Amino acid sequence: MEKEELIQKISEKAEVSKEEATEVLDAFTSSIKEGLMKGEKVIIAGFGTFSLSKRKAQTFKNPRDQQVYEIPERMIPHFKAGKNLQDWLKK
């Protein structure tokens, strides 16, 4: 499902216009981004948790030209599904 399809579903289920659904979705995603940028976990009870994970620095060797690259340590976003979501998906 892409963003436009999600907006359409939100619009239908909440009985609001597509513009309002777009604003709500954009506010939701920007709030998650802001929380992660502050180093916080974003927990949505019954759905899941968004957090940041640290990925170690790595050395990468390109098989084509055998050149070695250093990939620096970095933070990556991570989502862990909550128990209710996991149980629902098992059905």
PDB file of N, CA and C in Angstrom:
ATOM      1  N   MET A   1       0.853  -1.170   0.000  1.00  0.00           N
ATOM      2  CA  MET A   1       0.000   0.000   0.000  1.00  0.00           C
ATOM      3  C   MET A   1       0.897   1.230   0.000  1.00  0.00           C
ATOM      4  N   GLU A   2       0.598   2.138  -0.883  1.00  0.00           N
ATOM      5  CA  GLU A   2       1.373   3.369  -0.961  1.00  0.00           C
ATOM      6  C   GLU A   2       0.636   4.492  -0.233  1.00  0.00           C
ATOM      7  N   LYS A   3       1.306   5.630  -0.094  1.00  0.00           N
ATOM      8  CA  LYS A   3       0.781   6.740   0.698  1.00  0.00           C
ATOM      9  C   LYS A   3      -0.603   7.183   0.219  1.00  0.00           C
ATOM     10  N   GLU A   4      -0.799   7.306  -1.080  1.00  0.00           N
ATOM     11  CA  GLU A   4      -2.093   7.761  -1.595  1.00  0.00           C
ATOM     12  C   GLU A   4      -3.218   6.791  -1.249  1.00  0.00           C
ATOM     13  N   GLU A   5      -2.923   5.485  -1.298  1.00  0.00           N
ATOM     14  CA  GLU A   5      -3.923   4.491  -0.931  1.00  0.00           C
ATOM     15  C   GLU A   5      -4.239   4.583   0.563  1.00  0.00           C
ATOM     16  N   LEU A   6      -3.213   4.794   1.371  1.00  0.00           N
ATOM     17  CA  LEU A   6      -3.404   4.937   2.812  1.00  0.00           C
ATOM     18  C   LEU A   6      -4.252   6.167   3.121  1.00  0.00           C
ATOM     19  N   ILE A   7      -3.984   7.261   2.446  1.00  0.00           N
ATOM     20  CA  ILE A   7      -4.775   8.486   2.632  1.00  0.00           C
ATOM     21  C   ILE A   7      -6.234   8.227   2.267  1.00  0.00           C
ATOM     22  N   GLN A   8      -6.464   7.516   1.174  1.00  0.00           N
ATOM     23  CA  GLN A   8      -7.823   7.186   0.750  1.00  0.00           C
ATOM     24  C   GLN A   8      -8.542   6.370   1.824  1.00  0.00           C
ATOM     25  N   LYS A   9      -7.858   5.360   2.381  1.00  0.00           N
ATOM     26  CA  LYS A   9      -8.462   4.517   3.424  1.00  0.00           C
ATOM     27  C   LYS A   9      -8.770   5.330   4.680  1.00  0.00           C
ATOM     28  N   ILE A  10      -7.827   6.177   5.096  1.00  0.00           N
ATOM     29  CA  ILE A  10      -8.050   7.011   6.278  1.00  0.00           C
ATOM     30  C   ILE A  10      -9.244   7.925   6.044  1.00  0.00           C
ATOM     31  N   SER A  11      -9.298   8.516   4.868  1.00  0.00           N
ATOM     32  CA  SER A  11     -10.388   9.420   4.505  1.00  0.00           C
ATOM     33  C   SER A  11     -11.743   8.714   4.606  1.00  0.00           C
ATOM     34  N   GLU A  12     -11.803   7.495   4.089  1.00  0.00           N
ATOM     35  CA  GLU A  12     -13.060   6.740   4.110  1.00  0.00           C
ATOM     36  C   GLU A  12     -13.442   6.314   5.520  1.00  0.00           C
ATOM     37  N   LYS A  13     -12.486   5.758   6.273  1.00  0.00           N
ATOM     38  CA  LYS A  13     -12.794   5.234   7.608  1.00  0.00           C
ATOM     39  C   LYS A  13     -13.111   6.329   8.619  1.00  0.00           C
ATOM     40  N   ALA A  14     -12.421   7.462   8.518  1.00  0.00           N
ATOM     41  CA  ALA A  14     -12.650   8.549   9.468  1.00  0.00           C
ATOM     42  C   ALA A  14     -13.713   9.525   8.968  1.00  0.00           C
ATOM     43  N   GLU A  15     -14.202   9.300   7.745  1.00  0.00           N
ATOM     44  CA  GLU A  15     -15.202  10.168   7.122  1.00  0.00           C
ATOM     45  C   GLU A  15     -14.759  11.621   7.120  1.00  0.00           C
ATOM     46  N   VAL A  16     -13.527  11.835   6.622  1.00  0.00           N
ATOM     47  CA  VAL A  16     -12.977  13.177   6.467  1.00  0.00           C
ATOM     48  C   VAL A  16     -12.505  13.329   5.025  1.00  0.00           C
ATOM     49  N   SER A  17     -12.196  14.563   4.638  1.00  0.00           N
ATOM     50  CA  SER A  17     -11.718  14.798   3.277  1.00  0.00           C
ATOM     51  C   SER A  17     -10.302  14.247   3.108  1.00  0.00           C
ATOM     52  N   LYS A  18      -9.902  14.075   1.856  1.00  0.00           N
ATOM     53  CA  LYS A  18      -8.545  13.593   1.582  1.00  0.00           C
ATOM     54  C   LYS A  18      -7.506  14.593   2.080  1.00  0.00           C
ATOM     55  N   GLU A  19      -7.819  15.889   2.013  1.00  0.00           N
ATOM     56  CA  GLU A  19      -6.891  16.916   2.490  1.00  0.00           C
ATOM     57  C   GLU A  19      -6.659  16.780   3.994  1.00  0.00           C
ATOM     58  N   GLU A  20      -7.752  16.566   4.733  1.00  0.00           N
ATOM     59  CA  GLU A  20      -7.629  16.399   6.178  1.00  0.00           C
ATOM     60  C   GLU A  20      -6.867  15.116   6.523  1.00  0.00           C
ATOM     61  N   ALA A  21      -7.156  14.042   5.789  1.00  0.00           N
ATOM     62  CA  ALA A  21      -6.454  12.776   6.017  1.00  0.00           C
ATOM     63  C   ALA A  21      -4.968  12.933   5.721  1.00  0.00           C
ATOM     64  N   THR A  22      -4.630  13.693   4.682  1.00  0.00           N
ATOM     65  CA  THR A  22      -3.228  13.942   4.344  1.00  0.00           C
ATOM     66  C   THR A  22      -2.538  14.709   5.461  1.00  0.00           C
ATOM     67  N   GLU A  23      -3.200  15.729   5.996  1.00  0.00           N
ATOM     68  CA  GLU A  23      -2.636  16.514   7.098  1.00  0.00           C
ATOM     69  C   GLU A  23      -2.399  15.638   8.326  1.00  0.00           C
ATOM     70  N   VAL A  24      -3.351  14.779   8.639  1.00  0.00           N
ATOM     71  CA  VAL A  24      -3.221  13.898   9.806  1.00  0.00           C
ATOM     72  C   VAL A  24      -2.058  12.927   9.608  1.00  0.00           C
ATOM     73  N   LEU A  25      -1.978  12.316   8.438  1.00  0.00           N
ATOM     74  CA  LEU A  25      -0.896  11.369   8.171  1.00  0.00           C
ATOM     75  C   LEU A  25       0.463  12.054   8.209  1.00  0.00           C
ATOM     76  N   ASP A  26       0.551  13.247   7.611  1.00  0.00           N
ATOM     77  CA  ASP A  26       1.814  13.993   7.630  1.00  0.00           C
ATOM     78  C   ASP A  26       2.201  14.393   9.052  1.00  0.00           C
ATOM     79  N   ALA A  27       1.219  14.792   9.867  1.00  0.00           N
ATOM     80  CA  ALA A  27       1.495  15.151  11.258  1.00  0.00           C
ATOM     81  C   ALA A  27       1.964  13.924  12.043  1.00  0.00           C
ATOM     82  N   PHE A  28       1.353  12.790  11.784  1.00  0.00           N
ATOM     83  CA  PHE A  28       1.720  11.534  12.442  1.00  0.00           C
ATOM     84  C   PHE A  28       3.162  11.157  12.116  1.00  0.00           C
ATOM     85  N   THR A  29       3.502  11.146  10.833  1.00  0.00           N
ATOM     86  CA  THR A  29       4.857  10.740  10.449  1.00  0.00           C
ATOM     87  C   THR A  29       5.900  11.744  10.909  1.00  0.00           C
ATOM     88  N   SER A  30       5.587  13.040  10.858  1.00  0.00           N
ATOM     89  CA  SER A  30       6.572  14.028  11.304  1.00  0.00           C
ATOM     90  C   SER A  30       6.767  13.949  12.821  1.00  0.00           C
ATOM     91  N   SER A  31       5.723  13.611  13.558  1.00  0.00           N
ATOM     92  CA  SER A  31       5.854  13.450  15.009  1.00  0.00           C
ATOM     93  C   SER A  31       6.753  12.266  15.348  1.00  0.00           C
ATOM     94  N   ILE A  32       6.626  11.183  14.597  1.00  0.00           N
ATOM     95  CA  ILE A  32       7.506  10.031  14.800  1.00  0.00           C
ATOM     96  C   ILE A  32       8.947  10.418  14.487  1.00  0.00           C
ATOM     97  N   LYS A  33       9.159  11.113  13.379  1.00  0.00           N
ATOM     98  CA  LYS A  33      10.516  11.547  13.001  1.00  0.00           C
ATOM     99  C   LYS A  33      11.129  12.446  14.068  1.00  0.00           C
ATOM    100  N   GLU A  34      10.344  13.389  14.582  1.00  0.00           N
ATOM    101  CA  GLU A  34      10.850  14.307  15.608  1.00  0.00           C
ATOM    102  C   GLU A  34      11.239  13.547  16.874  1.00  0.00           C
ATOM    103  N   GLY A  35      10.414  12.587  17.273  1.00  0.00           N
ATOM    104  CA  GLY A  35      10.729  11.790  18.452  1.00  0.00           C
ATOM    105  C   GLY A  35      12.017  11.010  18.262  1.00  0.00           C
ATOM    106  N   LEU A  36      12.181  10.413  17.098  1.00  0.00           N
ATOM    107  CA  LEU A  36      13.400   9.647  16.825  1.00  0.00           C
ATOM    108  C   LEU A  36      14.620  10.556  16.772  1.00  0.00           C
ATOM    109  N   MET A  37      14.474  11.752  16.209  1.00  0.00           N
ATOM    110  CA  MET A  37      15.597  12.688  16.136  1.00  0.00           C
ATOM    111  C   MET A  37      16.058  13.105  17.533  1.00  0.00           C
ATOM    112  N   LYS A  38      15.135  13.118  18.498  1.00  0.00           N
ATOM    113  CA  LYS A  38      15.482  13.450  19.884  1.00  0.00           C
ATOM    114  C   LYS A  38      16.067  12.245  20.624  1.00  0.00           C
ATOM    115  N   GLY A  39      16.096  11.090  19.954  1.00  0.00           N
ATOM    116  CA  GLY A  39      16.617   9.884  20.586  1.00  0.00           C
ATOM    117  C   GLY A  39      15.590   9.147  21.418  1.00  0.00           C
ATOM    118  N   GLU A  40      14.336   9.488  21.268  1.00  0.00           N
ATOM    119  CA  GLU A  40      13.271   8.856  22.041  1.00  0.00           C
ATOM    120  C   GLU A  40      12.701   7.654  21.304  1.00  0.00           C
ATOM    121  N   LYS A  41      12.109   6.728  22.062  1.00  0.00           N
ATOM    122  CA  LYS A  41      11.316   5.658  21.469  1.00  0.00           C
ATOM    123  C   LYS A  41       9.908   6.198  21.284  1.00  0.00           C
ATOM    124  N   VAL A  42       9.270   5.833  20.194  1.00  0.00           N
ATOM    125  CA  VAL A  42       7.884   6.222  19.959  1.00  0.00           C
ATOM    126  C   VAL A  42       7.050   4.954  20.079  1.00  0.00           C
ATOM    127  N   ILE A  43       6.257   4.890  21.148  1.00  0.00           N
ATOM    128  CA  ILE A  43       5.490   3.681  21.451  1.00  0.00           C
ATOM    129  C   ILE A  43       4.016   3.945  21.181  1.00  0.00           C
ATOM    130  N   ILE A  44       3.423   3.108  20.344  1.00  0.00           N
ATOM    131  CA  ILE A  44       1.996   3.179  20.066  1.00  0.00           C
ATOM    132  C   ILE A  44       1.397   1.885  20.618  1.00  0.00           C
ATOM    133  N   ALA A  45       0.730   2.005  21.759  1.00  0.00           N
ATOM    134  CA  ALA A  45       0.192   0.830  22.440  1.00  0.00           C
ATOM    135  C   ALA A  45      -0.702   0.030  21.503  1.00  0.00           C
ATOM    136  N   GLY A  46      -0.492  -1.282  21.468  1.00  0.00           N
ATOM    137  CA  GLY A  46      -1.287  -2.163  20.636  1.00  0.00           C
ATOM    138  C   GLY A  46      -0.822  -2.232  19.194  1.00  0.00           C
ATOM    139  N   PHE A  47       0.130  -1.400  18.805  1.00  0.00           N
ATOM    140  CA  PHE A  47       0.618  -1.385  17.430  1.00  0.00           C
ATOM    141  C   PHE A  47       2.090  -1.735  17.344  1.00  0.00           C
ATOM    142  N   GLY A  48       2.935  -0.930  18.015  1.00  0.00           N
ATOM    143  CA  GLY A  48       4.358  -1.221  17.977  1.00  0.00           C
ATOM    144  C   GLY A  48       5.205  -0.063  18.461  1.00  0.00           C
ATOM    145  N   THR A  49       6.520  -0.232  18.335  1.00  0.00           N
ATOM    146  CA  THR A  49       7.484   0.743  18.819  1.00  0.00           C
ATOM    147  C   THR A  49       8.465   1.117  17.712  1.00  0.00           C
ATOM    148  N   PHE A  50       8.638   2.405  17.515  1.00  0.00           N
ATOM    149  CA  PHE A  50       9.650   2.918  16.605  1.00  0.00           C
ATOM    150  C   PHE A  50      10.842   3.338  17.453  1.00  0.00           C
ATOM    151  N   SER A  51      12.036   2.953  17.029  1.00  0.00           N
ATOM    152  CA  SER A  51      13.237   3.330  17.764  1.00  0.00           C
ATOM    153  C   SER A  51      14.408   3.425  16.795  1.00  0.00           C
ATOM    154  N   LEU A  52      15.551   3.841  17.321  1.00  0.00           N
ATOM    155  CA  LEU A  52      16.769   3.899  16.527  1.00  0.00           C
ATOM    156  C   LEU A  52      17.712   2.807  17.002  1.00  0.00           C
ATOM    157  N   SER A  53      18.399   2.186  16.073  1.00  0.00           N
ATOM    158  CA  SER A  53      19.411   1.184  16.388  1.00  0.00           C
ATOM    159  C   SER A  53      20.740   1.651  15.829  1.00  0.00           C
ATOM    160  N   LYS A  54      21.806   1.328  16.548  1.00  0.00           N
ATOM    161  CA  LYS A  54      23.133   1.715  16.091  1.00  0.00           C
ATOM    162  C   LYS A  54      23.696   0.603  15.211  1.00  0.00           C
ATOM    163  N   ARG A  55      24.120   0.963  14.018  1.00  0.00           N
ATOM    164  CA  ARG A  55      24.773   0.002  13.128  1.00  0.00           C
ATOM    165  C   ARG A  55      26.273   0.255  13.189  1.00  0.00           C
ATOM    166  N   LYS A  56      27.038  -0.778  13.463  1.00  0.00           N
ATOM    167  CA  LYS A  56      28.484  -0.654  13.598  1.00  0.00           C
ATOM    168  C   LYS A  56      29.129  -0.217  12.280  1.00  0.00           C
ATOM    169  N   ALA A  57      30.302   0.369  12.404  1.00  0.00           N
ATOM    170  CA  ALA A  57      31.096   0.697  11.227  1.00  0.00           C
ATOM    171  C   ALA A  57      31.509  -0.606  10.545  1.00  0.00           C
ATOM    172  N   GLN A  58      31.560  -0.577   9.220  1.00  0.00           N
ATOM    173  CA  GLN A  58      31.904  -1.778   8.471  1.00  0.00           C
ATOM    174  C   GLN A  58      32.907  -1.465   7.379  1.00  0.00           C
ATOM    175  N   THR A  59      33.581  -2.502   6.925  1.00  0.00           N
ATOM    176  CA  THR A  59      34.462  -2.405   5.776  1.00  0.00           C
ATOM    177  C   THR A  59      33.801  -3.176   4.648  1.00  0.00           C
ATOM    178  N   PHE A  60      33.698  -2.550   3.480  1.00  0.00           N
ATOM    179  CA  PHE A  60      33.046  -3.161   2.331  1.00  0.00           C
ATOM    180  C   PHE A  60      34.037  -3.253   1.186  1.00  0.00           C
ATOM    181  N   LYS A  61      34.124  -4.429   0.579  1.00  0.00           N
ATOM    182  CA  LYS A  61      35.016  -4.619  -0.564  1.00  0.00           C
ATOM    183  C   LYS A  61      34.170  -4.822  -1.811  1.00  0.00           C
ATOM    184  N   ASN A  62      34.329  -3.917  -2.779  1.00  0.00           N
ATOM    185  CA  ASN A  62      33.578  -4.003  -4.015  1.00  0.00           C
ATOM    186  C   ASN A  62      34.128  -5.168  -4.846  1.00  0.00           C
ATOM    187  N   PRO A  63      33.291  -6.156  -5.166  1.00  0.00           N
ATOM    188  CA  PRO A  63      33.785  -7.311  -5.902  1.00  0.00           C
ATOM    189  C   PRO A  63      34.206  -6.991  -7.342  1.00  0.00           C
ATOM    190  N   ARG A  64      33.708  -5.915  -7.909  1.00  0.00           N
ATOM    191  CA  ARG A  64      34.064  -5.569  -9.295  1.00  0.00           C
ATOM    192  C   ARG A  64      35.481  -5.028  -9.419  1.00  0.00           C
ATOM    193  N   ASP A  65      35.795  -4.055  -8.560  1.00  0.00           N
ATOM    194  CA  ASP A  65      37.110  -3.427  -8.694  1.00  0.00           C
ATOM    195  C   ASP A  65      38.034  -3.690  -7.491  1.00  0.00           C
ATOM    196  N   GLN A  66      37.555  -4.499  -6.558  1.00  0.00           N
ATOM    197  CA  GLN A  66      38.334  -4.876  -5.368  1.00  0.00           C
ATOM    198  C   GLN A  66      38.712  -3.701  -4.463  1.00  0.00           C
ATOM    199  N   GLN A  67      38.077  -2.551  -4.689  1.00  0.00           N
ATOM    200  CA  GLN A  67      38.358  -1.391  -3.847  1.00  0.00           C
ATOM    201  C   GLN A  67      37.659  -1.558  -2.499  1.00  0.00           C
ATOM    202  N   VAL A  68      38.329  -1.154  -1.432  1.00  0.00           N
ATOM    203  CA  VAL A  68      37.795  -1.285  -0.076  1.00  0.00           C
ATOM    204  C   VAL A  68      37.226   0.060   0.371  1.00  0.00           C
ATOM    205  N   TYR A  69      36.011   0.012   0.919  1.00  0.00           N
ATOM    206  CA  TYR A  69      35.334   1.212   1.397  1.00  0.00           C
ATOM    207  C   TYR A  69      35.047   1.066   2.885  1.00  0.00           C
ATOM    208  N   GLU A  70      35.129   2.157   3.600  1.00  0.00           N
ATOM    209  CA  GLU A  70      34.768   2.192   5.017  1.00  0.00           C
ATOM    210  C   GLU A  70      33.359   2.777   5.128  1.00  0.00           C
ATOM    211  N   ILE A  71      32.475   2.047   5.767  1.00  0.00           N
ATOM    212  CA  ILE A  71      31.117   2.531   6.006  1.00  0.00           C
ATOM    213  C   ILE A  71      31.071   2.945   7.475  1.00  0.00           C
ATOM    214  N   PRO A  72      30.827   4.227   7.760  1.00  0.00           N
ATOM    215  CA  PRO A  72      30.873   4.692   9.152  1.00  0.00           C
ATOM    216  C   PRO A  72      29.702   4.171   9.990  1.00  0.00           C
ATOM    217  N   GLU A  73      29.882   4.225  11.294  1.00  0.00           N
ATOM    218  CA  GLU A  73      28.811   3.873  12.218  1.00  0.00           C
ATOM    219  C   GLU A  73      27.652   4.845  11.994  1.00  0.00           C
ATOM    220  N   ARG A  74      26.432   4.326  12.106  1.00  0.00           N
ATOM    221  CA  ARG A  74      25.270   5.204  11.896  1.00  0.00           C
ATOM    222  C   ARG A  74      24.055   4.658  12.632  1.00  0.00           C
ATOM    223  N   MET A  75      23.073   5.519  12.757  1.00  0.00           N
ATOM    224  CA  MET A  75      21.821   5.155  13.404  1.00  0.00           C
ATOM    225  C   MET A  75      20.800   4.841  12.312  1.00  0.00           C
ATOM    226  N   ILE A  76      20.036   3.748  12.503  1.00  0.00           N
ATOM    227  CA  ILE A  76      19.008   3.386  11.547  1.00  0.00           C
ATOM    228  C   ILE A  76      17.676   3.226  12.277  1.00  0.00           C
ATOM    229  N   PRO A  77      16.561   3.558  11.595  1.00  0.00           N
ATOM    230  CA  PRO A  77      15.256   3.389  12.230  1.00  0.00           C
ATOM    231  C   PRO A  77      14.888   1.915  12.318  1.00  0.00           C
ATOM    232  N   HIS A  78      14.130   1.589  13.359  1.00  0.00           N
ATOM    233  CA  HIS A  78      13.735   0.207  13.615  1.00  0.00           C
ATOM    234  C   HIS A  78      12.285   0.214  14.095  1.00  0.00           C
ATOM    235  N   PHE A  79      11.498  -0.758  13.635  1.00  0.00           N
ATOM    236  CA  PHE A  79      10.118  -0.901  14.100  1.00  0.00           C
ATOM    237  C   PHE A  79       9.941  -2.303  14.650  1.00  0.00           C
ATOM    238  N   LYS A  80       9.376  -2.382  15.846  1.00  0.00           N
ATOM    239  CA  LYS A  80       9.056  -3.669  16.443  1.00  0.00           C
ATOM    240  C   LYS A  80       7.549  -3.720  16.655  1.00  0.00           C
ATOM    241  N   ALA A  81       6.911  -4.696  16.029  1.00  0.00           N
ATOM    242  CA  ALA A  81       5.465  -4.834  16.137  1.00  0.00           C
ATOM    243  C   ALA A  81       5.069  -5.189  17.560  1.00  0.00           C
ATOM    244  N   GLY A  82       3.976  -4.608  18.023  1.00  0.00           N
ATOM    245  CA  GLY A  82       3.451  -4.908  19.344  1.00  0.00           C
ATOM    246  C   GLY A  82       2.734  -6.241  19.359  1.00  0.00           C
ATOM    247  N   LYS A  83       2.441  -6.739  20.545  1.00  0.00           N
ATOM    248  CA  LYS A  83       1.817  -8.054  20.690  1.00  0.00           C
ATOM    249  C   LYS A  83       0.460  -8.121  19.999  1.00  0.00           C
ATOM    250  N   ASN A  84      -0.359  -7.090  20.138  1.00  0.00           N
ATOM    251  CA  ASN A  84      -1.678  -7.106  19.495  1.00  0.00           C
ATOM    252  C   ASN A  84      -1.553  -7.213  17.973  1.00  0.00           C
ATOM    253  N   LEU A  85      -0.613  -6.470  17.390  1.00  0.00           N
ATOM    254  CA  LEU A  85      -0.401  -6.520  15.941  1.00  0.00           C
ATOM    255  C   LEU A  85       0.116  -7.893  15.531  1.00  0.00           C
ATOM    256  N   GLN A  86       1.043  -8.449  16.285  1.00  0.00           N
ATOM    257  CA  GLN A  86       1.568  -9.783  15.974  1.00  0.00           C
ATOM    258  C   GLN A  86       0.473 -10.841  16.038  1.00  0.00           C
ATOM    259  N   ASP A  87      -0.356 -10.775  17.081  1.00  0.00           N
ATOM    260  CA  ASP A  87      -1.456 -11.733  17.219  1.00  0.00           C
ATOM    261  C   ASP A  87      -2.447 -11.600  16.069  1.00  0.00           C
ATOM    262  N   TRP A  88      -2.740 -10.384  15.677  1.00  0.00           N
ATOM    263  CA  TRP A  88      -3.683 -10.138  14.591  1.00  0.00           C
ATOM    264  C   TRP A  88      -3.141 -10.683  13.273  1.00  0.00           C
ATOM    265  N   LEU A  89      -1.841 -10.521  13.042  1.00  0.00           N
ATOM    266  CA  LEU A  89      -1.226 -10.995  11.804  1.00  0.00           C
ATOM    267  C   LEU A  89      -1.166 -12.524  11.735  1.00  0.00           C
ATOM    268  N   LYS A  90      -1.149 -13.189  12.887  1.00  0.00           N
ATOM    269  CA  LYS A  90      -1.104 -14.650  12.916  1.00  0.00           C
ATOM    270  C   LYS A  90      -2.431 -15.266  12.475  1.00  0.00           C
ATOM    271  N   LYS A  91      -3.525 -14.516  12.590  1.00  0.00           N
ATOM    272  CA  LYS A  91      -4.856 -15.043  12.241  1.00  0.00           C
ATOM    273  C   LYS A  91      -5.033 -15.165  10.751  1.00  0.00           C
TER     274      LYS A  91
END
